[in-house]
Amino acid sequence: MLVPNPAHNPGGDFGLSTAGQVLNLAKGAEACPYTFSTMALYKKAFFAACGLPPGNPEGVALALAPLLRAAMDRGQVTGEVYPGRWTDVGTPERLAQLNAPDVT
């Protein structure tokens, strides 16, 4: 799931074709209007190429972005834009903003 670029990531992460293919574009590219929401559905085969045993029993940390970008380059990633309310709670400041009382 992709979301329109939030203020903290104006350059975006990816593009999206009219056919629903997620596009691995250069960061900040003009046609890079979306940010990865971290909501996703993966097939088990997606992780098979990473070299870890099934289920990752040792809990080895693995960067997701390189796997996603490689799969995009192979045309294996589809997506859509999430139309609902979404917030990236990636920093203590953003969490505080989210938890602040609404004064409107």
PDB file of N, CA and C in Angstrom:
ATOM      1  N   MET A   1       0.839  -1.173   0.000  1.00  0.00           N
ATOM      2  CA  MET A   1       0.000   0.000   0.000  1.00  0.00           C
ATOM      3  C   MET A   1       0.888   1.241   0.000  1.00  0.00           C
ATOM      4  N   LEU A   2       0.526   2.144  -0.869  1.00  0.00           N
ATOM      5  CA  LEU A   2       1.222   3.413  -0.965  1.00  0.00           C
ATOM      6  C   LEU A   2       0.305   4.515  -0.466  1.00  0.00           C
ATOM      7  N   VAL A   3       0.911   5.615  -0.031  1.00  0.00           N
ATOM      8  CA  VAL A   3       0.148   6.793   0.386  1.00  0.00           C
ATOM      9  C   VAL A   3       0.747   8.005  -0.316  1.00  0.00           C
ATOM     10  N   PRO A   4      -0.061   9.048  -0.534  1.00  0.00           N
ATOM     11  CA  PRO A   4       0.512  10.274  -1.081  1.00  0.00           C
ATOM     12  C   PRO A   4       1.638  10.761  -0.154  1.00  0.00           C
ATOM     13  N   ASN A   5       2.664  11.357  -0.721  1.00  0.00           N
ATOM     14  CA  ASN A   5       3.821  11.752   0.070  1.00  0.00           C
ATOM     15  C   ASN A   5       3.446  12.673   1.234  1.00  0.00           C
ATOM     16  N   PRO A   6       3.846  12.279   2.445  1.00  0.00           N
ATOM     17  CA  PRO A   6       3.615  13.131   3.608  1.00  0.00           C
ATOM     18  C   PRO A   6       4.672  14.231   3.679  1.00  0.00           C
ATOM     19  N   ALA A   7       4.462  15.198   4.545  1.00  0.00           N
ATOM     20  CA  ALA A   7       5.375  16.335   4.669  1.00  0.00           C
ATOM     21  C   ALA A   7       6.804  15.907   5.006  1.00  0.00           C
ATOM     22  N   HIS A   8       6.968  14.842   5.792  1.00  0.00           N
ATOM     23  CA  HIS A   8       8.318  14.429   6.189  1.00  0.00           C
ATOM     24  C   HIS A   8       9.045  13.640   5.094  1.00  0.00           C
ATOM     25  N   ASN A   9       8.364  13.302   4.002  1.00  0.00           N
ATOM     26  CA  ASN A   9       8.988  12.561   2.900  1.00  0.00           C
ATOM     27  C   ASN A   9       8.487  13.114   1.561  1.00  0.00           C
ATOM     28  N   PRO A  10       8.773  14.394   1.289  1.00  0.00           N
ATOM     29  CA  PRO A  10       8.219  15.017   0.078  1.00  0.00           C
ATOM     30  C   PRO A  10       8.745  14.418  -1.222  1.00  0.00           C
ATOM     31  N   GLY A  11       9.916  13.794  -1.183  1.00  0.00           N
ATOM     32  CA  GLY A  11      10.485  13.190  -2.386  1.00  0.00           C
ATOM     33  C   GLY A  11       9.899  11.840  -2.720  1.00  0.00           C
ATOM     34  N   GLY A  12       9.164  11.256  -1.781  1.00  0.00           N
ATOM     35  CA  GLY A  12       8.511   9.978  -2.014  1.00  0.00           C
ATOM     36  C   GLY A  12       9.455   8.803  -2.089  1.00  0.00           C
ATOM     37  N   ASP A  13       8.865   7.636  -2.293  1.00  0.00           N
ATOM     38  CA  ASP A  13       9.605   6.382  -2.386  1.00  0.00           C
ATOM     39  C   ASP A  13       9.451   5.729  -3.754  1.00  0.00           C
ATOM     40  N   PHE A  14       8.208   5.729  -4.274  1.00  0.00           N
ATOM     41  CA  PHE A  14       7.908   4.945  -5.457  1.00  0.00           C
ATOM     42  C   PHE A  14       6.901   5.638  -6.355  1.00  0.00           C
ATOM     43  N   GLY A  15       6.783   5.102  -7.550  1.00  0.00           N
ATOM     44  CA  GLY A  15       5.732   5.502  -8.471  1.00  0.00           C
ATOM     45  C   GLY A  15       4.757   4.352  -8.614  1.00  0.00           C
ATOM     46  N   LEU A  16       3.698   4.582  -9.366  1.00  0.00           N
ATOM     47  CA  LEU A  16       2.695   3.554  -9.582  1.00  0.00           C
ATOM     48  C   LEU A  16       2.190   3.681 -11.009  1.00  0.00           C
ATOM     49  N   SER A  17       2.285   2.588 -11.758  1.00  0.00           N
ATOM     50  CA  SER A  17       1.815   2.619 -13.144  1.00  0.00           C
ATOM     51  C   SER A  17       0.293   2.543 -13.180  1.00  0.00           C
ATOM     52  N   THR A  18      -0.279   2.867 -14.322  1.00  0.00           N
ATOM     53  CA  THR A  18      -1.735   2.775 -14.467  1.00  0.00           C
ATOM     54  C   THR A  18      -2.215   1.330 -14.364  1.00  0.00           C
ATOM     55  N   ALA A  19      -1.300   0.373 -14.597  1.00  0.00           N
ATOM     56  CA  ALA A  19      -1.640  -1.049 -14.484  1.00  0.00           C
ATOM     57  C   ALA A  19      -1.474  -1.568 -13.056  1.00  0.00           C
ATOM     58  N   GLY A  20      -1.048  -0.699 -12.120  1.00  0.00           N
ATOM     59  CA  GLY A  20      -0.899  -1.115 -10.728  1.00  0.00           C
ATOM     60  C   GLY A  20       0.461  -1.654 -10.361  1.00  0.00           C
ATOM     61  N   GLN A  21       1.461  -1.536 -11.244  1.00  0.00           N
ATOM     62  CA  GLN A  21       2.829  -1.964 -10.914  1.00  0.00           C
ATOM     63  C   GLN A  21       3.502  -0.859 -10.105  1.00  0.00           C
ATOM     64  N   VAL A  22       4.105  -1.236  -8.981  1.00  0.00           N
ATOM     65  CA  VAL A  22       4.870  -0.271  -8.200  1.00  0.00           C
ATOM     66  C   VAL A  22       6.206  -0.083  -8.901  1.00  0.00           C
ATOM     67  N   LEU A  23       6.596   1.181  -9.073  1.00  0.00           N
ATOM     68  CA  LEU A  23       7.780   1.517  -9.854  1.00  0.00           C
ATOM     69  C   LEU A  23       8.927   1.964  -8.967  1.00  0.00           C
ATOM     70  N   ASN A  24      10.081   1.372  -9.180  1.00  0.00           N
ATOM     71  CA  ASN A  24      11.301   1.696  -8.455  1.00  0.00           C
ATOM     72  C   ASN A  24      11.936   2.909  -9.139  1.00  0.00           C
ATOM     73  N   LEU A  25      11.562   4.100  -8.690  1.00  0.00           N
ATOM     74  CA  LEU A  25      12.068   5.325  -9.289  1.00  0.00           C
ATOM     75  C   LEU A  25      13.164   5.927  -8.412  1.00  0.00           C
ATOM     76  N   ALA A  26      13.957   6.793  -8.997  1.00  0.00           N
ATOM     77  CA  ALA A  26      14.994   7.484  -8.231  1.00  0.00           C
ATOM     78  C   ALA A  26      14.334   8.347  -7.169  1.00  0.00           C
ATOM     79  N   LYS A  27      14.879   8.312  -5.970  1.00  0.00           N
ATOM     80  CA  LYS A  27      14.335   9.106  -4.870  1.00  0.00           C
ATOM     81  C   LYS A  27      14.240  10.560  -5.300  1.00  0.00           C
ATOM     82  N   GLY A  28      13.079  11.155  -5.099  1.00  0.00           N
ATOM     83  CA  GLY A  28      12.882  12.551  -5.453  1.00  0.00           C
ATOM     84  C   GLY A  28      12.519  12.768  -6.907  1.00  0.00           C
ATOM     85  N   ALA A  29      12.347  11.691  -7.677  1.00  0.00           N
ATOM     86  CA  ALA A  29      11.973  11.835  -9.083  1.00  0.00           C
ATOM     87  C   ALA A  29      10.614  12.515  -9.168  1.00  0.00           C
ATOM     88  N   GLU A  30      10.414  13.272 -10.219  1.00  0.00           N
ATOM     89  CA  GLU A  30       9.161  14.005 -10.378  1.00  0.00           C
ATOM     90  C   GLU A  30       7.956  13.069 -10.333  1.00  0.00           C
ATOM     91  N   ALA A  31       8.109  11.902 -10.881  1.00  0.00           N
ATOM     92  CA  ALA A  31       7.008  10.933 -10.924  1.00  0.00           C
ATOM     93  C   ALA A  31       7.051   9.982  -9.726  1.00  0.00           C
ATOM     94  N   CYS A  32       7.571  10.431  -8.597  1.00  0.00           N
ATOM     95  CA  CYS A  32       7.702   9.612  -7.394  1.00  0.00           C
ATOM     96  C   CYS A  32       6.750  10.162  -6.324  1.00  0.00           C
ATOM     97  N   PRO A  33       5.452  10.102  -6.590  1.00  0.00           N
ATOM     98  CA  PRO A  33       4.496  10.791  -5.718  1.00  0.00           C
ATOM     99  C   PRO A  33       4.014  10.004  -4.499  1.00  0.00           C
ATOM    100  N   TYR A  34       4.546   8.801  -4.305  1.00  0.00           N
ATOM    101  CA  TYR A  34       4.014   7.980  -3.227  1.00  0.00           C
ATOM    102  C   TYR A  34       5.086   7.512  -2.254  1.00  0.00           C
ATOM    103  N   THR A  35       4.626   7.276  -1.025  1.00  0.00           N
ATOM    104  CA  THR A  35       5.459   6.767   0.053  1.00  0.00           C
ATOM    105  C   THR A  35       4.940   5.395   0.451  1.00  0.00           C
ATOM    106  N   PHE A  36       5.844   4.474   0.746  1.00  0.00           N
ATOM    107  CA  PHE A  36       5.464   3.142   1.203  1.00  0.00           C
ATOM    108  C   PHE A  36       4.859   3.260   2.599  1.00  0.00           C
ATOM    109  N   SER A  37       3.669   2.742   2.776  1.00  0.00           N
ATOM    110  CA  SER A  37       2.938   2.877   4.040  1.00  0.00           C
ATOM    111  C   SER A  37       3.372   1.864   5.093  1.00  0.00           C
ATOM    112  N   THR A  38       4.103   0.864   4.718  1.00  0.00           N
ATOM    113  CA  THR A  38       4.503  -0.317   5.496  1.00  0.00           C
ATOM    114  C   THR A  38       3.375  -1.337   5.617  1.00  0.00           C
ATOM    115  N   MET A  39       2.205  -1.042   5.055  1.00  0.00           N
ATOM    116  CA  MET A  39       1.139  -2.049   4.993  1.00  0.00           C
ATOM    117  C   MET A  39       1.364  -2.846   3.713  1.00  0.00           C
ATOM    118  N   ALA A  40       1.469  -4.169   3.847  1.00  0.00           N
ATOM    119  CA  ALA A  40       1.756  -4.987   2.671  1.00  0.00           C
ATOM    120  C   ALA A  40       1.332  -6.431   2.912  1.00  0.00           C
ATOM    121  N   LEU A  41       1.176  -7.128   1.827  1.00  0.00           N
ATOM    122  CA  LEU A  41       0.903  -8.564   1.847  1.00  0.00           C
ATOM    123  C   LEU A  41       1.994  -9.216   1.014  1.00  0.00           C
ATOM    124  N   TYR A  42       2.732 -10.149   1.605  1.00  0.00           N
ATOM    125  CA  TYR A  42       3.865 -10.787   0.933  1.00  0.00           C
ATOM    126  C   TYR A  42       3.608 -12.265   0.725  1.00  0.00           C
ATOM    127  N   LYS A  43       4.101 -12.777  -0.374  1.00  0.00           N
ATOM    128  CA  LYS A  43       4.106 -14.221  -0.600  1.00  0.00           C
ATOM    129  C   LYS A  43       5.388 -14.784   0.017  1.00  0.00           C
ATOM    130  N   LYS A  44       5.326 -16.001   0.493  1.00  0.00           N
ATOM    131  CA  LYS A  44       6.488 -16.632   1.109  1.00  0.00           C
ATOM    132  C   LYS A  44       7.685 -16.640   0.155  1.00  0.00           C
ATOM    133  N   ALA A  45       7.430 -16.824  -1.128  1.00  0.00           N
ATOM    134  CA  ALA A  45       8.505 -16.880  -2.122  1.00  0.00           C
ATOM    135  C   ALA A  45       9.304 -15.579  -2.195  1.00  0.00           C
ATOM    136  N   PHE A  46       8.678 -14.461  -1.819  1.00  0.00           N
ATOM    137  CA  PHE A  46       9.379 -13.169  -1.848  1.00  0.00           C
ATOM    138  C   PHE A  46      10.634 -13.222  -0.982  1.00  0.00           C
ATOM    139  N   PHE A  47      10.563 -13.895   0.143  1.00  0.00           N
ATOM    140  CA  PHE A  47      11.686 -13.948   1.082  1.00  0.00           C
ATOM    141  C   PHE A  47      12.645 -15.100   0.809  1.00  0.00           C
ATOM    142  N   ALA A  48      12.310 -15.982  -0.107  1.00  0.00           N
ATOM    143  CA  ALA A  48      13.156 -17.146  -0.391  1.00  0.00           C
ATOM    144  C   ALA A  48      14.527 -16.738  -0.919  1.00  0.00           C
ATOM    145  N   ALA A  49      14.598 -15.647  -1.654  1.00  0.00           N
ATOM    146  CA  ALA A  49      15.861 -15.224  -2.263  1.00  0.00           C
ATOM    147  C   ALA A  49      16.812 -14.555  -1.276  1.00  0.00           C
ATOM    148  N   CYS A  50      16.383 -14.307  -0.059  1.00  0.00           N
ATOM    149  CA  CYS A  50      17.241 -13.576   0.879  1.00  0.00           C
ATOM    150  C   CYS A  50      18.273 -14.463   1.565  1.00  0.00           C
ATOM    151  N   GLY A  51      18.159 -15.780   1.420  1.00  0.00           N
ATOM    152  CA  GLY A  51      19.162 -16.683   1.976  1.00  0.00           C
ATOM    153  C   GLY A  51      18.963 -17.061   3.434  1.00  0.00           C
ATOM    154  N   LEU A  52      17.881 -16.626   4.047  1.00  0.00           N
ATOM    155  CA  LEU A  52      17.618 -16.987   5.435  1.00  0.00           C
ATOM    156  C   LEU A  52      16.731 -18.231   5.480  1.00  0.00           C
ATOM    157  N   PRO A  53      16.853 -19.033   6.528  1.00  0.00           N
ATOM    158  CA  PRO A  53      15.973 -20.194   6.637  1.00  0.00           C
ATOM    159  C   PRO A  53      14.524 -19.754   6.817  1.00  0.00           C
ATOM    160  N   PRO A  54      13.571 -20.570   6.372  1.00  0.00           N
ATOM    161  CA  PRO A  54      12.158 -20.214   6.505  1.00  0.00           C
ATOM    162  C   PRO A  54      11.794 -19.829   7.933  1.00  0.00           C
ATOM    163  N   GLY A  55      11.064 -18.745   8.069  1.00  0.00           N
ATOM    164  CA  GLY A  55      10.645 -18.277   9.384  1.00  0.00           C
ATOM    165  C   GLY A  55      11.696 -17.467  10.114  1.00  0.00           C
ATOM    166  N   ASN A  56      12.918 -17.397   9.558  1.00  0.00           N
ATOM    167  CA  ASN A  56      14.001 -16.630  10.180  1.00  0.00           C
ATOM    168  C   ASN A  56      14.107 -16.925  11.681  1.00  0.00           C
ATOM    169  N   PRO A  57      14.362 -18.184  12.045  1.00  0.00           N
ATOM    170  CA  PRO A  57      14.344 -18.575  13.458  1.00  0.00           C
ATOM    171  C   PRO A  57      15.369 -17.854  14.320  1.00  0.00           C
ATOM    172  N   GLU A  58      16.440 -17.359  13.718  1.00  0.00           N
ATOM    173  CA  GLU A  58      17.456 -16.645  14.496  1.00  0.00           C
ATOM    174  C   GLU A  58      17.121 -15.157  14.646  1.00  0.00           C
ATOM    175  N   GLY A  59      16.070 -14.701  13.967  1.00  0.00           N
ATOM    176  CA  GLY A  59      15.674 -13.298  14.066  1.00  0.00           C
ATOM    177  C   GLY A  59      16.679 -12.348  13.448  1.00  0.00           C
ATOM    178  N   VAL A  60      17.320 -12.760  12.356  1.00  0.00           N
ATOM    179  CA  VAL A  60      18.324 -11.936  11.694  1.00  0.00           C
ATOM    180  C   VAL A  60      17.652 -10.713  11.073  1.00  0.00           C
ATOM    181  N   ALA A  61      18.210  -9.526  11.344  1.00  0.00           N
ATOM    182  CA  ALA A  61      17.677  -8.292  10.757  1.00  0.00           C
ATOM    183  C   ALA A  61      17.953  -8.294   9.257  1.00  0.00           C
ATOM    184  N   LEU A  62      16.985  -7.847   8.493  1.00  0.00           N
ATOM    185  CA  LEU A  62      17.100  -7.846   7.047  1.00  0.00           C
ATOM    186  C   LEU A  62      16.443  -6.579   6.510  1.00  0.00           C
ATOM    187  N   ALA A  63      17.168  -5.854   5.689  1.00  0.00           N
ATOM    188  CA  ALA A  63      16.607  -4.643   5.092  1.00  0.00           C
ATOM    189  C   ALA A  63      15.577  -5.031   4.042  1.00  0.00           C
ATOM    190  N   LEU A  64      14.370  -4.493   4.155  1.00  0.00           N
ATOM    191  CA  LEU A  64      13.288  -4.814   3.245  1.00  0.00           C
ATOM    192  C   LEU A  64      13.396  -4.059   1.922  1.00  0.00           C
ATOM    193  N   ALA A  65      13.836  -2.808   1.977  1.00  0.00           N
ATOM    194  CA  ALA A  65      13.850  -1.968   0.774  1.00  0.00           C
ATOM    195  C   ALA A  65      14.616  -2.584  -0.398  1.00  0.00           C
ATOM    196  N   PRO A  66      15.824  -3.123  -0.200  1.00  0.00           N
ATOM    197  CA  PRO A  66      16.516  -3.723  -1.350  1.00  0.00           C
ATOM    198  C   PRO A  66      15.762  -4.905  -1.972  1.00  0.00           C
ATOM    199  N   LEU A  67      15.104  -5.709  -1.140  1.00  0.00           N
ATOM    200  CA  LEU A  67      14.310  -6.826  -1.652  1.00  0.00           C
ATOM    201  C   LEU A  67      13.121  -6.309  -2.467  1.00  0.00           C
ATOM    202  N   LEU A  68      12.445  -5.296  -1.930  1.00  0.00           N
ATOM    203  CA  LEU A  68      11.301  -4.720  -2.642  1.00  0.00           C
ATOM    204  C   LEU A  68      11.726  -4.098  -3.967  1.00  0.00           C
ATOM    205  N   ARG A  69      12.811  -3.318  -3.943  1.00  0.00           N
ATOM    206  CA  ARG A  69      13.257  -2.642  -5.163  1.00  0.00           C
ATOM    207  C   ARG A  69      13.673  -3.650  -6.237  1.00  0.00           C
ATOM    208  N   ALA A  70      14.347  -4.721  -5.839  1.00  0.00           N
ATOM    209  CA  ALA A  70      14.743  -5.752  -6.807  1.00  0.00           C
ATOM    210  C   ALA A  70      13.505  -6.429  -7.401  1.00  0.00           C
ATOM    211  N   ALA A  71      12.509  -6.709  -6.559  1.00  0.00           N
ATOM    212  CA  ALA A  71      11.279  -7.328  -7.048  1.00  0.00           C
ATOM    213  C   ALA A  71      10.520  -6.369  -7.973  1.00  0.00           C
ATOM    214  N   MET A  72      10.554  -5.079  -7.671  1.00  0.00           N
ATOM    215  CA  MET A  72       9.923  -4.085  -8.548  1.00  0.00           C
ATOM    216  C   MET A  72      10.593  -4.077  -9.911  1.00  0.00           C
ATOM    217  N   ASP A  73      11.923  -4.156  -9.902  1.00  0.00           N
ATOM    218  CA  ASP A  73      12.660  -4.161 -11.163  1.00  0.00           C
ATOM    219  C   ASP A  73      12.317  -5.386 -12.013  1.00  0.00           C
ATOM    220  N   ARG A  74      11.874  -6.460 -11.356  1.00  0.00           N
ATOM    221  CA  ARG A  74      11.442  -7.662 -12.080  1.00  0.00           C
ATOM    222  C   ARG A  74       9.940  -7.628 -12.406  1.00  0.00           C
ATOM    223  N   GLY A  75       9.270  -6.537 -12.053  1.00  0.00           N
ATOM    224  CA  GLY A  75       7.840  -6.412 -12.325  1.00  0.00           C
ATOM    225  C   GLY A  75       6.970  -7.269 -11.435  1.00  0.00           C
ATOM    226  N   GLN A  76       7.456  -7.577 -10.220  1.00  0.00           N
ATOM    227  CA  GLN A  76       6.740  -8.504  -9.341  1.00  0.00           C
ATOM    228  C   GLN A  76       5.989  -7.838  -8.195  1.00  0.00           C
ATOM    229  N   VAL A  77       5.933  -6.511  -8.196  1.00  0.00           N
ATOM    230  CA  VAL A  77       5.280  -5.817  -7.088  1.00  0.00           C
ATOM    231  C   VAL A  77       4.109  -4.993  -7.623  1.00  0.00           C
ATOM    232  N   THR A  78       2.940  -5.299  -7.124  1.00  0.00           N
ATOM    233  CA  THR A  78       1.768  -4.499  -7.469  1.00  0.00           C
ATOM    234  C   THR A  78       1.359  -3.718  -6.229  1.00  0.00           C
ATOM    235  N   GLY A  79       0.587  -2.682  -6.447  1.00  0.00           N
ATOM    236  CA  GLY A  79       0.172  -1.879  -5.310  1.00  0.00           C
ATOM    237  C   GLY A  79      -1.018  -1.016  -5.642  1.00  0.00           C
ATOM    238  N   GLU A  80      -1.440  -0.317  -4.642  1.00  0.00           N
ATOM    239  CA  GLU A  80      -2.515   0.646  -4.802  1.00  0.00           C
ATOM    240  C   GLU A  80      -2.327   1.739  -3.767  1.00  0.00           C
ATOM    241  N   VAL A  81      -3.036   2.828  -3.959  1.00  0.00           N
ATOM    242  CA  VAL A  81      -2.943   3.957  -3.036  1.00  0.00           C
ATOM    243  C   VAL A  81      -3.991   3.774  -1.943  1.00  0.00           C
ATOM    244  N   TYR A  82      -3.546   3.841  -0.701  1.00  0.00           N
ATOM    245  CA  TYR A  82      -4.444   3.734   0.442  1.00  0.00           C
ATOM    246  C   TYR A  82      -5.218   5.039   0.579  1.00  0.00           C
ATOM    247  N   PRO A  83      -6.556   4.981   0.549  1.00  0.00           N
ATOM    248  CA  PRO A  83      -7.338   6.211   0.556  1.00  0.00           C
ATOM    249  C   PRO A  83      -7.681   6.740   1.953  1.00  0.00           C
ATOM    250  N   GLY A  84      -7.376   5.972   2.986  1.00  0.00           N
ATOM    251  CA  GLY A  84      -7.781   6.364   4.342  1.00  0.00           C
ATOM    252  C   GLY A  84      -6.771   7.245   5.045  1.00  0.00           C
ATOM    253  N   ARG A  85      -7.079   7.535   6.277  1.00  0.00           N
ATOM    254  CA  ARG A  85      -6.182   8.333   7.120  1.00  0.00           C
ATOM    255  C   ARG A  85      -4.969   7.476   7.466  1.00  0.00           C
ATOM    256  N   TRP A  86      -3.789   8.074   7.338  1.00  0.00           N
ATOM    257  CA  TRP A  86      -2.545   7.343   7.594  1.00  0.00           C
ATOM    258  C   TRP A  86      -1.543   8.289   8.236  1.00  0.00           C
ATOM    259  N   THR A  87      -0.819   7.793   9.216  1.00  0.00           N
ATOM    260  CA  THR A  87       0.229   8.572   9.867  1.00  0.00           C
ATOM    261  C   THR A  87       1.440   7.689  10.061  1.00  0.00           C
ATOM    262  N   ASP A  88       2.601   8.201   9.712  1.00  0.00           N
ATOM    263  CA  ASP A  88       3.863   7.514   9.985  1.00  0.00           C
ATOM    264  C   ASP A  88       4.299   7.945  11.381  1.00  0.00           C
ATOM    265  N   VAL A  89       4.302   7.013  12.298  1.00  0.00           N
ATOM    266  CA  VAL A  89       4.667   7.317  13.675  1.00  0.00           C
ATOM    267  C   VAL A  89       6.142   6.954  13.889  1.00  0.00           C
ATOM    268  N   GLY A  90       6.985   7.349  12.949  1.00  0.00           N
ATOM    269  CA  GLY A  90       8.385   6.946  12.962  1.00  0.00           C
ATOM    270  C   GLY A  90       9.301   7.725  13.882  1.00  0.00           C
ATOM    271  N   THR A  91       8.799   8.777  14.532  1.00  0.00           N
ATOM    272  CA  THR A  91       9.636   9.541  15.458  1.00  0.00           C
ATOM    273  C   THR A  91       8.810   9.874  16.702  1.00  0.00           C
ATOM    274  N   PRO A  92       9.478  10.140  17.815  1.00  0.00           N
ATOM    275  CA  PRO A  92       8.733  10.548  19.020  1.00  0.00           C
ATOM    276  C   PRO A  92       7.921  11.828  18.782  1.00  0.00           C
ATOM    277  N   GLU A  93       8.438  12.725  17.956  1.00  0.00           N
ATOM    278  CA  GLU A  93       7.725  13.973  17.683  1.00  0.00           C
ATOM    279  C   GLU A  93       6.409  13.709  16.946  1.00  0.00           C
ATOM    280  N   ARG A  94       6.448  12.832  15.954  1.00  0.00           N
ATOM    281  CA  ARG A  94       5.221  12.521  15.210  1.00  0.00           C
ATOM    282  C   ARG A  94       4.215  11.783  16.080  1.00  0.00           C
ATOM    283  N   LEU A  95       4.703  10.940  16.978  1.00  0.00           N
ATOM    284  CA  LEU A  95       3.808  10.262  17.912  1.00  0.00           C
ATOM    285  C   LEU A  95       3.145  11.283  18.834  1.00  0.00           C
ATOM    286  N   ALA A  96       3.911  12.251  19.324  1.00  0.00           N
ATOM    287  CA  ALA A  96       3.348  13.286  20.190  1.00  0.00           C
ATOM    288  C   ALA A  96       2.298  14.105  19.440  1.00  0.00           C
ATOM    289  N   GLN A  97       2.557  14.423  18.182  1.00  0.00           N
ATOM    290  CA  GLN A  97       1.571  15.160  17.389  1.00  0.00           C
ATOM    291  C   GLN A  97       0.288  14.344  17.238  1.00  0.00           C
ATOM    292  N   LEU A  98       0.431  13.070  17.015  1.00  0.00           N
ATOM    293  CA  LEU A  98      -0.720  12.198  16.834  1.00  0.00           C
ATOM    294  C   LEU A  98      -1.534  12.099  18.125  1.00  0.00           C
ATOM    295  N   ASN A  99      -0.850  12.085  19.257  1.00  0.00           N
ATOM    296  CA  ASN A  99      -1.524  11.942  20.557  1.00  0.00           C
ATOM    297  C   ASN A  99      -2.003  13.263  21.131  1.00  0.00           C
ATOM    298  N   ALA A 100      -1.619  14.381  20.538  1.00  0.00           N
ATOM    299  CA  ALA A 100      -2.034  15.689  21.064  1.00  0.00           C
ATOM    300  C   ALA A 100      -3.537  15.838  20.936  1.00  0.00           C
ATOM    301  N   PRO A 101      -4.148  16.494  21.918  1.00  0.00           N
ATOM    302  CA  PRO A 101      -5.600  16.689  21.830  1.00  0.00           C
ATOM    303  C   PRO A 101      -5.954  17.567  20.627  1.00  0.00           C
ATOM    304  N   ASP A 102      -7.053  17.227  20.008  1.00  0.00           N
ATOM    305  CA  ASP A 102      -7.530  18.001  18.865  1.00  0.00           C
ATOM    306  C   ASP A 102      -8.215  19.256  19.395  1.00  0.00           C
ATOM    307  N   VAL A 103      -7.703  20.423  19.020  1.00  0.00           N
ATOM    308  CA  VAL A 103      -8.226  21.676  19.560  1.00  0.00           C
ATOM    309  C   VAL A 103      -9.156  22.378  18.563  1.00  0.00           C
ATOM    310  N   THR A 104      -9.560  21.693  17.521  1.00  0.00           N
ATOM    311  CA  THR A 104     -10.458  22.333  16.550  1.00  0.00           C
ATOM    312  C   THR A 104     -11.884  22.246  16.975  1.00  0.00           C
TER     313      THR A 104
END
